[in-house]
């Protein structure tokens, strides 16, 4: 049964789970690894006791497999910029995009999008894992590009940033740009968040797509 837990501000010293266990590759990991809990019940209950929150049972804590599957089929768009999956009892995963950029400019003729003079925009989006409303791991991608309503005419820059809670080291792969076709590209990011003292590891994967119409969205992104 899910217990109602309100968000609180985590002190840095309490932000570190003492026994987080993640499968490095959930597709090739054993059934036991996939069913490991994302954080130990001992740590959670110690933290909750110190913050006057209800105790949790082992069954209340999401598994490695549930963490990865939480974002299956989800995407964050400029029209729906924040999409969260509640894993229960304060745990959650969020996909998001920055929708503060000007709306994409397009022109139609006979129901067909026609080319415009080059426009410029910056796509930005990410994925983060949270507990009680506080981000533990966060992966963000950006791309600045020109478009003309039909295709991407130039990619000026792209990057991926990763950040973790205090105590975690972050190892980020070089960002990749997938050229799907003239009208769509993906910025792809991968990062590993590791807390060496407890051999705790989480891996994040992020895909930020941007298009020749100036739109962009986060898709096919997950933690494992």
N, C-alpha and C. Protein backbone atom coordinates (compact mmCIF):
# COMPACT_ATOMS: atom_id res chain seq x y z
N UNK A 1 0.85 -1.20 0.00
CA UNK A 1 0.00 0.00 0.00
C UNK A 1 0.88 1.24 0.00
N UNK A 2 0.57 2.21 -0.84
CA UNK A 2 1.33 3.44 -0.89
C UNK A 2 0.98 4.31 0.31
N UNK A 3 2.01 4.91 0.88
CA UNK A 3 1.81 5.78 2.03
C UNK A 3 2.03 7.21 1.58
N UNK A 4 1.25 8.13 2.08
CA UNK A 4 1.37 9.52 1.69
C UNK A 4 2.55 10.14 2.41
N UNK A 5 3.50 10.67 1.65
CA UNK A 5 4.67 11.31 2.22
C UNK A 5 4.81 12.68 1.60
N UNK A 6 4.93 13.69 2.40
CA UNK A 6 5.06 15.05 1.88
C UNK A 6 6.51 15.35 1.55
N UNK A 7 6.73 16.28 0.63
CA UNK A 7 8.09 16.67 0.25
C UNK A 7 8.73 17.44 1.39
N UNK A 8 10.04 17.23 1.54
CA UNK A 8 10.80 17.95 2.55
C UNK A 8 12.11 18.40 1.92
N UNK A 9 12.80 19.32 2.59
CA UNK A 9 14.11 19.75 2.14
C UNK A 9 15.14 18.82 2.75
N UNK A 10 15.97 18.19 1.90
CA UNK A 10 16.95 17.24 2.36
C UNK A 10 18.26 17.95 2.69
N UNK A 11 18.79 17.71 3.87
CA UNK A 11 20.13 18.18 4.18
C UNK A 11 21.12 17.34 3.39
N UNK A 12 22.26 17.94 3.02
CA UNK A 12 23.23 17.22 2.18
C UNK A 12 23.66 15.92 2.83
N UNK A 13 23.85 15.91 4.13
CA UNK A 13 24.32 14.71 4.81
C UNK A 13 23.29 13.60 4.80
N UNK A 14 22.02 13.96 4.59
CA UNK A 14 20.96 12.95 4.59
C UNK A 14 20.56 12.55 3.18
N UNK A 15 21.17 13.17 2.21
CA UNK A 15 20.75 12.94 0.83
C UNK A 15 21.35 11.66 0.27
N UNK A 16 22.31 11.07 0.97
CA UNK A 16 23.06 9.97 0.40
C UNK A 16 22.49 8.64 0.84
N UNK A 17 21.93 7.85 -0.06
CA UNK A 17 21.45 6.52 0.30
C UNK A 17 22.62 5.62 0.61
N UNK A 18 22.48 4.79 1.64
CA UNK A 18 23.62 3.98 2.06
C UNK A 18 23.69 2.64 1.37
N UNK A 19 22.69 2.30 0.57
CA UNK A 19 22.73 1.00 -0.07
C UNK A 19 21.90 0.97 -1.33
N UNK A 20 22.23 1.84 -2.28
CA UNK A 20 21.53 1.83 -3.55
C UNK A 20 22.20 0.81 -4.46
N UNK A 21 21.43 -0.06 -5.09
CA UNK A 21 21.98 -1.10 -5.94
C UNK A 21 21.32 -1.03 -7.30
N UNK A 22 22.11 -0.88 -8.37
CA UNK A 22 21.56 -0.80 -9.71
C UNK A 22 22.19 -1.84 -10.60
N UNK A 23 21.39 -2.40 -11.52
CA UNK A 23 21.94 -3.26 -12.56
C UNK A 23 22.60 -2.39 -13.61
N UNK A 24 23.82 -2.73 -14.02
CA UNK A 24 24.52 -1.94 -15.03
C UNK A 24 23.79 -2.00 -16.36
N UNK A 25 23.26 -3.15 -16.72
CA UNK A 25 22.49 -3.28 -17.96
C UNK A 25 21.28 -4.14 -17.66
N UNK A 26 20.13 -3.51 -17.54
CA UNK A 26 18.95 -4.24 -17.09
C UNK A 26 18.50 -5.28 -18.10
N UNK A 27 18.90 -5.11 -19.37
CA UNK A 27 18.50 -6.08 -20.37
C UNK A 27 19.28 -7.39 -20.24
N UNK A 28 20.50 -7.31 -19.71
CA UNK A 28 21.31 -8.51 -19.58
C UNK A 28 21.49 -8.96 -18.14
N UNK A 29 20.93 -8.19 -17.20
CA UNK A 29 21.08 -8.53 -15.79
C UNK A 29 20.15 -9.67 -15.40
N UNK A 30 20.45 -10.27 -14.26
CA UNK A 30 19.64 -11.38 -13.78
C UNK A 30 18.32 -10.88 -13.23
N UNK A 31 17.38 -11.79 -13.06
CA UNK A 31 16.08 -11.44 -12.49
C UNK A 31 16.25 -10.91 -11.08
N UNK A 32 17.25 -11.44 -10.35
CA UNK A 32 17.50 -10.96 -8.99
C UNK A 32 17.92 -9.51 -9.01
N UNK A 33 18.87 -9.14 -9.93
CA UNK A 33 19.32 -7.76 -10.02
C UNK A 33 18.18 -6.82 -10.38
N UNK A 34 17.33 -7.26 -11.32
CA UNK A 34 16.22 -6.41 -11.74
C UNK A 34 15.25 -6.16 -10.60
N UNK A 35 15.16 -7.08 -9.65
CA UNK A 35 14.23 -6.95 -8.55
C UNK A 35 14.86 -6.35 -7.30
N UNK A 36 16.14 -5.94 -7.39
CA UNK A 36 16.77 -5.25 -6.27
C UNK A 36 16.06 -3.91 -6.04
N UNK A 37 16.04 -3.47 -4.80
CA UNK A 37 15.44 -2.18 -4.46
C UNK A 37 16.40 -1.05 -4.81
N UNK A 38 15.85 0.11 -5.19
CA UNK A 38 16.69 1.22 -5.59
C UNK A 38 17.37 1.90 -4.40
N UNK A 39 16.90 1.63 -3.21
CA UNK A 39 17.54 2.13 -2.00
C UNK A 39 17.13 1.21 -0.87
N UNK A 40 17.98 1.07 0.14
CA UNK A 40 17.68 0.13 1.21
C UNK A 40 16.58 0.64 2.13
N UNK A 41 15.77 -0.27 2.64
CA UNK A 41 14.70 0.10 3.56
C UNK A 41 15.29 0.66 4.86
N UNK A 42 16.50 0.20 5.23
CA UNK A 42 17.13 0.70 6.45
C UNK A 42 17.46 2.18 6.33
N UNK A 43 18.01 2.59 5.17
CA UNK A 43 18.34 4.00 4.98
C UNK A 43 17.08 4.85 4.98
N UNK A 44 16.08 4.43 4.20
CA UNK A 44 14.86 5.22 4.08
C UNK A 44 14.21 5.42 5.44
N UNK A 45 14.12 4.34 6.22
CA UNK A 45 13.45 4.46 7.51
C UNK A 45 14.25 5.29 8.51
N UNK A 46 15.59 5.25 8.40
CA UNK A 46 16.39 6.12 9.26
C UNK A 46 16.14 7.58 8.91
N UNK A 47 16.11 7.87 7.61
CA UNK A 47 15.84 9.24 7.17
C UNK A 47 14.43 9.67 7.57
N UNK A 48 13.44 8.80 7.32
CA UNK A 48 12.06 9.16 7.63
C UNK A 48 11.85 9.38 9.13
N UNK A 49 12.50 8.58 9.95
CA UNK A 49 12.39 8.74 11.40
C UNK A 49 12.93 10.10 11.83
N UNK A 50 14.06 10.52 11.23
CA UNK A 50 14.66 11.81 11.59
C UNK A 50 13.82 12.99 11.12
N UNK A 51 12.91 12.73 10.15
CA UNK A 51 12.08 13.81 9.62
C UNK A 51 10.59 13.63 9.94
N UNK A 52 10.33 12.78 10.95
CA UNK A 52 8.95 12.56 11.41
C UNK A 52 8.02 12.12 10.28
N UNK A 53 8.52 11.22 9.44
CA UNK A 53 7.75 10.67 8.33
C UNK A 53 7.47 9.20 8.60
N UNK A 54 6.42 8.64 8.00
CA UNK A 54 6.09 7.24 8.27
C UNK A 54 7.14 6.27 7.76
N UNK A 55 7.26 5.16 8.48
CA UNK A 55 8.20 4.12 8.06
C UNK A 55 7.67 3.42 6.81
N UNK A 56 8.60 2.91 6.01
CA UNK A 56 8.24 2.13 4.83
C UNK A 56 8.64 0.68 5.03
N UNK A 57 7.97 -0.19 4.30
CA UNK A 57 8.35 -1.60 4.29
C UNK A 57 9.16 -1.87 3.02
N UNK A 58 9.77 -3.03 2.95
CA UNK A 58 10.54 -3.41 1.76
C UNK A 58 9.68 -3.31 0.51
N UNK A 59 8.41 -3.67 0.61
CA UNK A 59 7.50 -3.67 -0.53
C UNK A 59 7.17 -2.26 -1.03
N UNK A 60 7.40 -1.26 -0.20
CA UNK A 60 7.07 0.12 -0.58
C UNK A 60 8.13 0.75 -1.48
N UNK A 61 9.29 0.13 -1.60
CA UNK A 61 10.42 0.73 -2.31
C UNK A 61 10.49 0.18 -3.73
N UNK A 62 10.59 1.04 -4.75
CA UNK A 62 10.64 0.59 -6.14
C UNK A 62 11.88 -0.26 -6.42
N UNK A 63 11.77 -1.10 -7.43
CA UNK A 63 12.89 -1.94 -7.84
C UNK A 63 13.66 -1.29 -8.99
N UNK A 64 14.83 -1.86 -9.29
CA UNK A 64 15.62 -1.42 -10.43
C UNK A 64 14.79 -1.47 -11.71
N UNK A 65 14.09 -2.57 -11.91
CA UNK A 65 13.28 -2.74 -13.12
C UNK A 65 12.18 -1.69 -13.20
N UNK A 66 11.53 -1.41 -12.08
CA UNK A 66 10.47 -0.40 -12.06
C UNK A 66 11.02 0.99 -12.38
N UNK A 67 12.25 1.26 -11.94
CA UNK A 67 12.85 2.55 -12.21
C UNK A 67 13.05 2.75 -13.71
N UNK A 68 13.55 1.72 -14.39
CA UNK A 68 13.78 1.85 -15.82
C UNK A 68 12.47 1.93 -16.59
N UNK A 69 11.50 1.13 -16.19
CA UNK A 69 10.25 1.07 -16.94
C UNK A 69 9.33 2.27 -16.68
N UNK A 70 9.70 3.08 -15.68
CA UNK A 70 8.83 4.20 -15.30
C UNK A 70 8.59 5.18 -16.43
N UNK A 71 9.56 5.36 -17.33
CA UNK A 71 9.42 6.36 -18.39
C UNK A 71 9.10 5.73 -19.74
N UNK A 72 8.83 4.44 -19.78
CA UNK A 72 8.50 3.80 -21.06
C UNK A 72 7.27 4.46 -21.68
N UNK A 73 7.41 4.87 -22.93
CA UNK A 73 6.28 5.47 -23.63
C UNK A 73 6.01 6.92 -23.28
N UNK A 74 6.80 7.49 -22.38
CA UNK A 74 6.58 8.88 -21.98
C UNK A 74 7.47 9.82 -22.80
N UNK A 75 7.00 11.03 -23.04
CA UNK A 75 7.81 12.06 -23.66
C UNK A 75 7.38 13.41 -23.11
N UNK A 76 8.35 14.32 -23.02
CA UNK A 76 8.07 15.70 -22.60
C UNK A 76 8.18 16.60 -23.82
N UNK A 77 7.15 17.40 -24.08
CA UNK A 77 7.10 18.25 -25.25
C UNK A 77 6.92 19.71 -24.84
N UNK A 78 7.01 20.61 -25.80
CA UNK A 78 6.80 22.02 -25.49
C UNK A 78 5.36 22.28 -25.06
N UNK A 79 4.44 21.47 -25.54
CA UNK A 79 3.04 21.59 -25.13
C UNK A 79 2.80 20.94 -23.77
N UNK A 80 3.57 19.93 -23.44
CA UNK A 80 3.45 19.22 -22.17
C UNK A 80 4.85 19.08 -21.58
N UNK A 81 5.38 20.18 -21.03
CA UNK A 81 6.82 20.26 -20.75
C UNK A 81 7.33 19.47 -19.56
N UNK A 82 6.47 19.07 -18.66
CA UNK A 82 6.92 18.30 -17.49
C UNK A 82 6.04 17.06 -17.35
N UNK A 83 6.68 15.90 -17.43
CA UNK A 83 5.96 14.64 -17.31
C UNK A 83 6.63 13.81 -16.22
N UNK A 84 5.90 13.49 -15.18
CA UNK A 84 6.46 12.75 -14.04
C UNK A 84 5.76 11.42 -13.86
N UNK A 85 6.52 10.45 -13.40
CA UNK A 85 5.96 9.15 -13.05
C UNK A 85 6.18 8.92 -11.57
N UNK A 86 5.10 8.81 -10.84
CA UNK A 86 5.16 8.59 -9.41
C UNK A 86 5.40 7.11 -9.16
N UNK A 87 6.53 6.79 -8.51
CA UNK A 87 6.84 5.41 -8.18
C UNK A 87 6.32 5.03 -6.79
N UNK A 88 5.67 5.96 -6.14
CA UNK A 88 5.08 5.69 -4.83
C UNK A 88 6.00 6.04 -3.68
N UNK A 89 5.42 6.49 -2.60
CA UNK A 89 6.13 6.72 -1.34
C UNK A 89 7.28 7.71 -1.46
N UNK A 90 7.13 8.72 -2.31
CA UNK A 90 8.13 9.77 -2.42
C UNK A 90 9.13 9.61 -3.54
N UNK A 91 9.18 8.45 -4.20
CA UNK A 91 10.11 8.20 -5.29
C UNK A 91 9.47 8.61 -6.62
N UNK A 92 10.27 9.17 -7.52
CA UNK A 92 9.71 9.57 -8.80
C UNK A 92 10.77 9.81 -9.86
N UNK A 93 10.32 9.81 -11.12
CA UNK A 93 11.17 10.12 -12.26
C UNK A 93 10.46 11.19 -13.09
N UNK A 94 11.20 12.18 -13.57
CA UNK A 94 10.62 13.28 -14.33
C UNK A 94 11.36 13.50 -15.65
N UNK A 95 10.60 13.64 -16.74
CA UNK A 95 11.12 14.12 -18.02
C UNK A 95 10.65 15.56 -18.18
N UNK A 96 11.48 16.42 -18.78
CA UNK A 96 11.09 17.81 -18.91
C UNK A 96 11.78 18.46 -20.12
N UNK A 97 11.15 19.52 -20.62
CA UNK A 97 11.80 20.38 -21.61
C UNK A 97 11.57 21.83 -21.21
N UNK A 98 12.48 22.68 -21.64
CA UNK A 98 12.35 24.12 -21.45
C UNK A 98 11.42 24.65 -22.54
N UNK A 99 10.26 25.15 -22.15
CA UNK A 99 9.31 25.66 -23.14
C UNK A 99 9.25 27.19 -23.13
N UNK A 100 10.34 27.84 -22.69
CA UNK A 100 10.36 29.29 -22.65
C UNK A 100 10.84 29.90 -23.97
N UNK A 101 11.30 29.05 -24.91
CA UNK A 101 11.72 29.56 -26.21
C UNK A 101 10.50 30.03 -27.00
N UNK A 102 10.68 30.98 -27.92
CA UNK A 102 9.55 31.40 -28.76
C UNK A 102 8.98 30.23 -29.55
N UNK A 103 7.70 30.27 -29.83
CA UNK A 103 7.06 29.20 -30.58
C UNK A 103 7.69 29.07 -31.96
N UNK A 104 7.77 27.83 -32.43
CA UNK A 104 8.34 27.59 -33.75
C UNK A 104 7.53 28.33 -34.82
N UNK A 105 8.23 28.92 -35.77
CA UNK A 105 7.58 29.66 -36.84
C UNK A 105 7.51 28.78 -38.09
N UNK A 106 6.33 28.54 -38.60
CA UNK A 106 6.15 27.76 -39.81
C UNK A 106 5.13 28.45 -40.71
N UNK A 107 5.12 28.05 -41.96
CA UNK A 107 4.19 28.62 -42.93
C UNK A 107 3.63 27.48 -43.77
N UNK A 108 2.32 27.48 -43.95
CA UNK A 108 1.68 26.40 -44.70
C UNK A 108 1.05 26.94 -45.97
N UNK A 109 1.05 26.08 -46.99
CA UNK A 109 0.40 26.40 -48.26
C UNK A 109 -0.17 25.11 -48.82
N UNK A 110 -1.47 25.10 -49.05
CA UNK A 110 -2.14 23.88 -49.53
C UNK A 110 -1.85 22.71 -48.59
N UNK A 111 -1.93 23.00 -47.27
CA UNK A 111 -1.71 21.99 -46.23
C UNK A 111 -0.30 21.42 -46.23
N UNK A 112 0.64 22.08 -46.86
CA UNK A 112 2.04 21.67 -46.87
C UNK A 112 2.88 22.74 -46.20
N UNK A 113 3.83 22.31 -45.36
CA UNK A 113 4.73 23.27 -44.74
C UNK A 113 5.76 23.71 -45.76
N UNK A 114 5.91 25.01 -45.92
CA UNK A 114 6.86 25.54 -46.90
C UNK A 114 8.03 26.18 -46.17
N UNK A 115 9.15 26.29 -46.91
CA UNK A 115 10.37 26.81 -46.31
C UNK A 115 10.27 28.29 -46.01
N UNK A 116 10.89 28.68 -44.89
CA UNK A 116 11.00 30.08 -44.49
C UNK A 116 12.47 30.48 -44.51
N UNK A 117 12.73 31.74 -44.31
CA UNK A 117 14.10 32.15 -44.03
C UNK A 117 14.53 31.49 -42.72
N UNK A 118 15.82 31.23 -42.57
CA UNK A 118 16.31 30.52 -41.39
C UNK A 118 15.87 31.18 -40.09
N UNK A 119 15.38 30.35 -39.16
CA UNK A 119 15.07 30.75 -37.80
C UNK A 119 16.06 30.04 -36.87
N UNK A 120 16.20 30.56 -35.64
CA UNK A 120 17.12 29.95 -34.68
C UNK A 120 16.43 29.72 -33.36
N UNK A 121 16.74 28.61 -32.72
CA UNK A 121 16.21 28.34 -31.39
C UNK A 121 17.15 27.41 -30.64
N UNK A 122 16.92 27.27 -29.36
CA UNK A 122 17.70 26.36 -28.52
C UNK A 122 16.78 25.34 -27.88
N UNK A 123 17.04 24.08 -28.14
CA UNK A 123 16.29 23.00 -27.51
C UNK A 123 16.98 22.62 -26.21
N UNK A 124 16.19 22.37 -25.17
CA UNK A 124 16.76 21.96 -23.88
C UNK A 124 15.77 21.04 -23.19
N UNK A 125 16.28 19.95 -22.64
CA UNK A 125 15.41 19.02 -21.91
C UNK A 125 16.24 18.06 -21.09
N UNK A 126 15.56 17.28 -20.24
CA UNK A 126 16.32 16.38 -19.39
C UNK A 126 15.47 15.34 -18.68
N UNK A 127 16.16 14.57 -17.87
CA UNK A 127 15.54 13.54 -17.04
C UNK A 127 16.15 13.63 -15.65
N UNK A 128 15.35 13.42 -14.61
CA UNK A 128 15.88 13.42 -13.26
C UNK A 128 15.13 12.43 -12.38
N UNK A 129 15.87 11.92 -11.41
CA UNK A 129 15.32 11.01 -10.41
C UNK A 129 15.20 11.77 -9.10
N UNK A 130 14.06 11.66 -8.45
CA UNK A 130 13.83 12.42 -7.23
C UNK A 130 13.33 11.54 -6.09
N UNK A 131 13.61 12.02 -4.89
CA UNK A 131 13.00 11.43 -3.69
C UNK A 131 12.51 12.58 -2.83
N UNK A 132 11.24 12.56 -2.50
CA UNK A 132 10.60 13.61 -1.72
C UNK A 132 10.80 14.98 -2.36
N UNK A 133 10.73 15.00 -3.68
CA UNK A 133 10.78 16.26 -4.41
C UNK A 133 12.16 16.83 -4.64
N UNK A 134 13.21 16.15 -4.19
CA UNK A 134 14.58 16.63 -4.35
C UNK A 134 15.30 15.77 -5.38
N UNK A 135 16.00 16.41 -6.32
CA UNK A 135 16.70 15.69 -7.39
C UNK A 135 17.96 15.02 -6.86
N UNK A 136 18.09 13.71 -7.11
CA UNK A 136 19.31 12.99 -6.77
C UNK A 136 20.24 12.92 -7.98
N UNK A 137 19.68 12.61 -9.15
CA UNK A 137 20.47 12.52 -10.38
C UNK A 137 19.74 13.26 -11.48
N UNK A 138 20.50 13.99 -12.30
CA UNK A 138 19.91 14.83 -13.34
C UNK A 138 20.81 14.82 -14.57
N UNK A 139 20.20 14.60 -15.73
CA UNK A 139 20.91 14.61 -17.01
C UNK A 139 20.17 15.56 -17.95
N UNK A 140 20.90 16.53 -18.52
CA UNK A 140 20.31 17.58 -19.34
C UNK A 140 21.02 17.66 -20.69
N UNK A 141 20.25 17.85 -21.76
CA UNK A 141 20.81 18.02 -23.10
C UNK A 141 20.35 19.34 -23.69
N UNK A 142 21.21 19.97 -24.50
CA UNK A 142 20.86 21.20 -25.19
C UNK A 142 21.35 21.13 -26.63
N UNK A 143 20.68 21.88 -27.51
CA UNK A 143 21.12 22.01 -28.90
C UNK A 143 20.65 23.36 -29.43
N UNK A 144 21.57 24.10 -29.99
CA UNK A 144 21.20 25.35 -30.67
C UNK A 144 21.25 25.07 -32.17
N UNK A 145 20.16 25.41 -32.88
CA UNK A 145 20.10 25.03 -34.29
C UNK A 145 19.28 26.03 -35.10
N UNK A 146 19.52 26.02 -36.39
CA UNK A 146 18.75 26.80 -37.35
C UNK A 146 17.81 25.87 -38.10
N UNK A 147 16.64 26.39 -38.45
CA UNK A 147 15.65 25.60 -39.17
C UNK A 147 14.87 26.52 -40.10
N UNK A 148 14.23 25.93 -41.10
CA UNK A 148 13.46 26.77 -42.04
C UNK A 148 12.02 26.32 -42.22
N UNK A 149 11.54 25.51 -41.28
CA UNK A 149 10.16 25.04 -41.36
C UNK A 149 10.03 23.69 -42.04
N UNK A 150 11.07 23.28 -42.75
CA UNK A 150 11.08 21.97 -43.40
C UNK A 150 12.23 21.10 -42.92
N UNK A 151 13.39 21.71 -42.76
CA UNK A 151 14.55 20.93 -42.36
C UNK A 151 15.45 21.73 -41.42
N UNK A 152 16.36 21.03 -40.78
CA UNK A 152 17.37 21.66 -39.94
C UNK A 152 18.51 22.09 -40.87
N UNK A 153 18.76 23.38 -40.91
CA UNK A 153 19.77 23.88 -41.84
C UNK A 153 21.17 23.94 -41.24
N UNK A 154 21.25 24.02 -39.90
CA UNK A 154 22.56 24.06 -39.26
C UNK A 154 22.43 23.75 -37.78
N UNK A 155 23.33 22.92 -37.26
CA UNK A 155 23.43 22.69 -35.82
C UNK A 155 24.63 23.49 -35.34
N UNK A 156 24.37 24.51 -34.55
CA UNK A 156 25.44 25.40 -34.10
C UNK A 156 26.22 24.83 -32.93
N UNK A 157 25.51 24.13 -32.03
CA UNK A 157 26.17 23.54 -30.87
C UNK A 157 25.23 22.54 -30.22
N UNK A 158 25.81 21.60 -29.48
CA UNK A 158 25.02 20.68 -28.68
C UNK A 158 25.87 20.19 -27.52
N UNK A 159 25.23 19.84 -26.40
CA UNK A 159 25.98 19.43 -25.22
C UNK A 159 25.07 18.63 -24.30
N UNK A 160 25.69 17.93 -23.37
CA UNK A 160 24.99 17.18 -22.33
C UNK A 160 25.66 17.48 -21.00
N UNK A 161 24.86 17.77 -19.97
CA UNK A 161 25.36 18.05 -18.63
C UNK A 161 24.76 17.05 -17.66
N UNK A 162 25.55 16.65 -16.65
CA UNK A 162 25.07 15.70 -15.65
C UNK A 162 25.44 16.20 -14.26
N UNK A 163 24.53 16.02 -13.31
CA UNK A 163 24.80 16.41 -11.93
C UNK A 163 24.18 15.40 -10.97
N UNK A 164 24.85 15.20 -9.83
CA UNK A 164 24.37 14.24 -8.85
C UNK A 164 24.33 14.84 -7.46
N UNK A 165 23.67 14.15 -6.57
CA UNK A 165 23.60 14.60 -5.18
C UNK A 165 24.99 14.60 -4.56
N UNK A 166 25.19 15.38 -3.48
CA UNK A 166 26.50 15.41 -2.82
C UNK A 166 26.97 14.01 -2.45
N UNK A 167 28.24 13.72 -2.73
CA UNK A 167 28.80 12.41 -2.45
C UNK A 167 28.89 11.51 -3.66
N UNK A 168 28.16 11.86 -4.72
CA UNK A 168 28.19 11.06 -5.95
C UNK A 168 29.20 11.63 -6.93
N UNK A 169 30.02 10.76 -7.52
CA UNK A 169 30.84 11.15 -8.65
C UNK A 169 30.03 10.94 -9.92
N UNK A 170 30.27 11.77 -10.91
CA UNK A 170 29.50 11.71 -12.16
C UNK A 170 30.46 11.48 -13.32
N UNK A 171 30.22 10.43 -14.07
CA UNK A 171 31.02 10.12 -15.26
C UNK A 171 30.11 10.24 -16.48
N UNK A 172 30.40 11.20 -17.35
CA UNK A 172 29.54 11.49 -18.49
C UNK A 172 30.23 11.09 -19.79
N UNK A 173 29.49 10.37 -20.65
CA UNK A 173 30.01 10.08 -21.98
C UNK A 173 29.98 11.34 -22.83
N UNK A 174 30.85 11.44 -23.84
CA UNK A 174 30.76 12.57 -24.76
C UNK A 174 29.39 12.58 -25.43
N UNK A 175 28.77 13.75 -25.59
CA UNK A 175 27.45 13.80 -26.22
C UNK A 175 27.53 13.35 -27.68
N UNK A 176 26.46 12.72 -28.15
CA UNK A 176 26.39 12.26 -29.53
C UNK A 176 25.24 12.96 -30.25
N UNK A 177 25.42 13.17 -31.54
CA UNK A 177 24.37 13.75 -32.38
C UNK A 177 23.98 12.71 -33.42
N UNK A 178 22.73 12.26 -33.35
CA UNK A 178 22.21 11.28 -34.30
C UNK A 178 21.49 12.02 -35.42
N UNK A 179 22.01 11.89 -36.63
CA UNK A 179 21.41 12.53 -37.80
C UNK A 179 20.37 11.59 -38.40
N UNK A 180 19.13 11.73 -37.97
CA UNK A 180 18.08 10.81 -38.40
C UNK A 180 17.69 11.06 -39.85
N UNK A 181 17.49 12.31 -40.20
CA UNK A 181 17.22 12.72 -41.57
C UNK A 181 17.33 14.25 -41.59
N UNK A 182 17.16 14.91 -42.74
CA UNK A 182 17.34 16.37 -42.77
C UNK A 182 16.38 17.14 -41.86
N UNK A 183 15.30 16.51 -41.46
CA UNK A 183 14.30 17.23 -40.66
C UNK A 183 14.30 16.86 -39.18
N UNK A 184 15.18 15.95 -38.74
CA UNK A 184 15.16 15.53 -37.34
C UNK A 184 16.53 15.02 -36.90
N UNK A 185 16.93 15.40 -35.69
CA UNK A 185 18.18 14.94 -35.10
C UNK A 185 17.96 14.71 -33.60
N UNK A 186 18.79 13.86 -33.01
CA UNK A 186 18.75 13.58 -31.58
C UNK A 186 20.08 13.94 -30.94
N UNK A 187 20.05 14.65 -29.83
CA UNK A 187 21.21 14.72 -28.94
C UNK A 187 21.07 13.58 -27.95
N UNK A 188 22.10 12.74 -27.86
CA UNK A 188 22.05 11.56 -27.01
C UNK A 188 23.08 11.68 -25.90
N UNK A 189 22.64 11.49 -24.67
CA UNK A 189 23.53 11.58 -23.53
C UNK A 189 23.44 10.37 -22.64
N UNK A 190 24.57 9.97 -22.06
CA UNK A 190 24.63 8.88 -21.09
C UNK A 190 25.55 9.31 -19.95
N UNK A 191 25.17 8.97 -18.74
CA UNK A 191 26.00 9.32 -17.60
C UNK A 191 25.85 8.26 -16.51
N UNK A 192 26.92 8.11 -15.74
CA UNK A 192 26.91 7.18 -14.61
C UNK A 192 27.10 7.97 -13.33
N UNK A 193 26.25 7.71 -12.36
CA UNK A 193 26.32 8.36 -11.05
C UNK A 193 26.75 7.29 -10.05
N UNK A 194 27.88 7.54 -9.37
CA UNK A 194 28.45 6.48 -8.53
C UNK A 194 28.80 7.01 -7.16
N UNK A 195 28.43 6.23 -6.16
CA UNK A 195 28.80 6.53 -4.78
C UNK A 195 29.71 5.40 -4.33
N UNK A 196 31.03 5.59 -4.51
CA UNK A 196 31.99 4.50 -4.43
C UNK A 196 32.00 3.81 -3.07
N UNK A 197 31.78 4.56 -2.01
CA UNK A 197 31.88 3.98 -0.66
C UNK A 197 30.93 2.80 -0.50
N UNK A 198 29.75 2.89 -1.15
CA UNK A 198 28.76 1.82 -1.01
C UNK A 198 28.56 1.05 -2.32
N UNK A 199 29.47 1.25 -3.30
CA UNK A 199 29.36 0.58 -4.60
C UNK A 199 27.98 0.83 -5.22
N UNK A 200 27.48 2.03 -5.04
CA UNK A 200 26.15 2.37 -5.56
C UNK A 200 26.30 3.04 -6.92
N UNK A 201 25.58 2.53 -7.90
CA UNK A 201 25.71 3.05 -9.26
C UNK A 201 24.35 3.18 -9.92
N UNK A 202 24.14 4.30 -10.60
CA UNK A 202 22.95 4.49 -11.43
C UNK A 202 23.40 5.00 -12.79
N UNK A 203 22.73 4.57 -13.84
CA UNK A 203 23.06 4.99 -15.21
C UNK A 203 21.84 5.68 -15.81
N UNK A 204 22.07 6.85 -16.43
CA UNK A 204 20.98 7.59 -17.07
C UNK A 204 21.20 7.65 -18.57
N UNK A 205 20.10 7.56 -19.33
CA UNK A 205 20.14 7.68 -20.79
C UNK A 205 19.11 8.73 -21.19
N UNK A 206 19.52 9.66 -22.07
CA UNK A 206 18.67 10.78 -22.47
C UNK A 206 18.72 10.98 -23.97
N UNK A 207 17.55 11.21 -24.57
CA UNK A 207 17.46 11.56 -25.99
C UNK A 207 16.59 12.80 -26.15
N UNK A 208 17.20 13.86 -26.70
CA UNK A 208 16.50 15.11 -26.97
C UNK A 208 16.39 15.28 -28.48
N UNK A 209 15.20 15.20 -29.01
CA UNK A 209 15.00 15.33 -30.46
C UNK A 209 14.60 16.75 -30.82
N UNK A 210 15.16 17.27 -31.92
CA UNK A 210 14.76 18.57 -32.44
C UNK A 210 14.55 18.44 -33.95
N UNK A 211 13.69 19.31 -34.48
CA UNK A 211 13.20 19.09 -35.85
C UNK A 211 13.29 20.34 -36.72
N UNK A 212 13.04 20.13 -38.02
CA UNK A 212 13.09 21.21 -38.99
C UNK A 212 11.99 22.23 -38.86
N UNK A 213 11.01 21.94 -38.02
CA UNK A 213 9.95 22.93 -37.75
C UNK A 213 10.25 23.76 -36.51
N UNK A 214 11.40 23.49 -35.86
CA UNK A 214 11.77 24.24 -34.67
C UNK A 214 11.26 23.65 -33.38
N UNK A 215 10.59 22.51 -33.45
CA UNK A 215 10.08 21.86 -32.25
C UNK A 215 11.13 20.92 -31.67
N UNK A 216 10.95 20.55 -30.41
CA UNK A 216 11.87 19.61 -29.76
C UNK A 216 11.15 18.93 -28.60
N UNK A 217 11.63 17.73 -28.24
CA UNK A 217 11.02 16.97 -27.16
C UNK A 217 11.98 15.90 -26.66
N UNK A 218 11.75 15.45 -25.42
CA UNK A 218 12.53 14.38 -24.80
C UNK A 218 11.76 13.07 -24.96
N UNK A 219 12.46 12.02 -25.37
CA UNK A 219 11.81 10.72 -25.58
C UNK A 219 12.82 9.61 -25.30
N UNK A 220 12.33 8.39 -25.16
CA UNK A 220 13.19 7.20 -25.00
C UNK A 220 14.31 7.42 -23.98
N UNK A 221 13.98 7.99 -22.83
CA UNK A 221 14.97 8.30 -21.81
C UNK A 221 14.63 7.56 -20.53
N UNK A 222 15.68 7.19 -19.78
CA UNK A 222 15.42 6.35 -18.60
C UNK A 222 16.64 6.31 -17.68
N UNK A 223 16.42 5.82 -16.45
CA UNK A 223 17.48 5.43 -15.54
C UNK A 223 17.52 3.92 -15.47
N UNK A 224 18.69 3.38 -15.19
CA UNK A 224 18.80 1.93 -14.96
C UNK A 224 19.94 1.65 -14.01
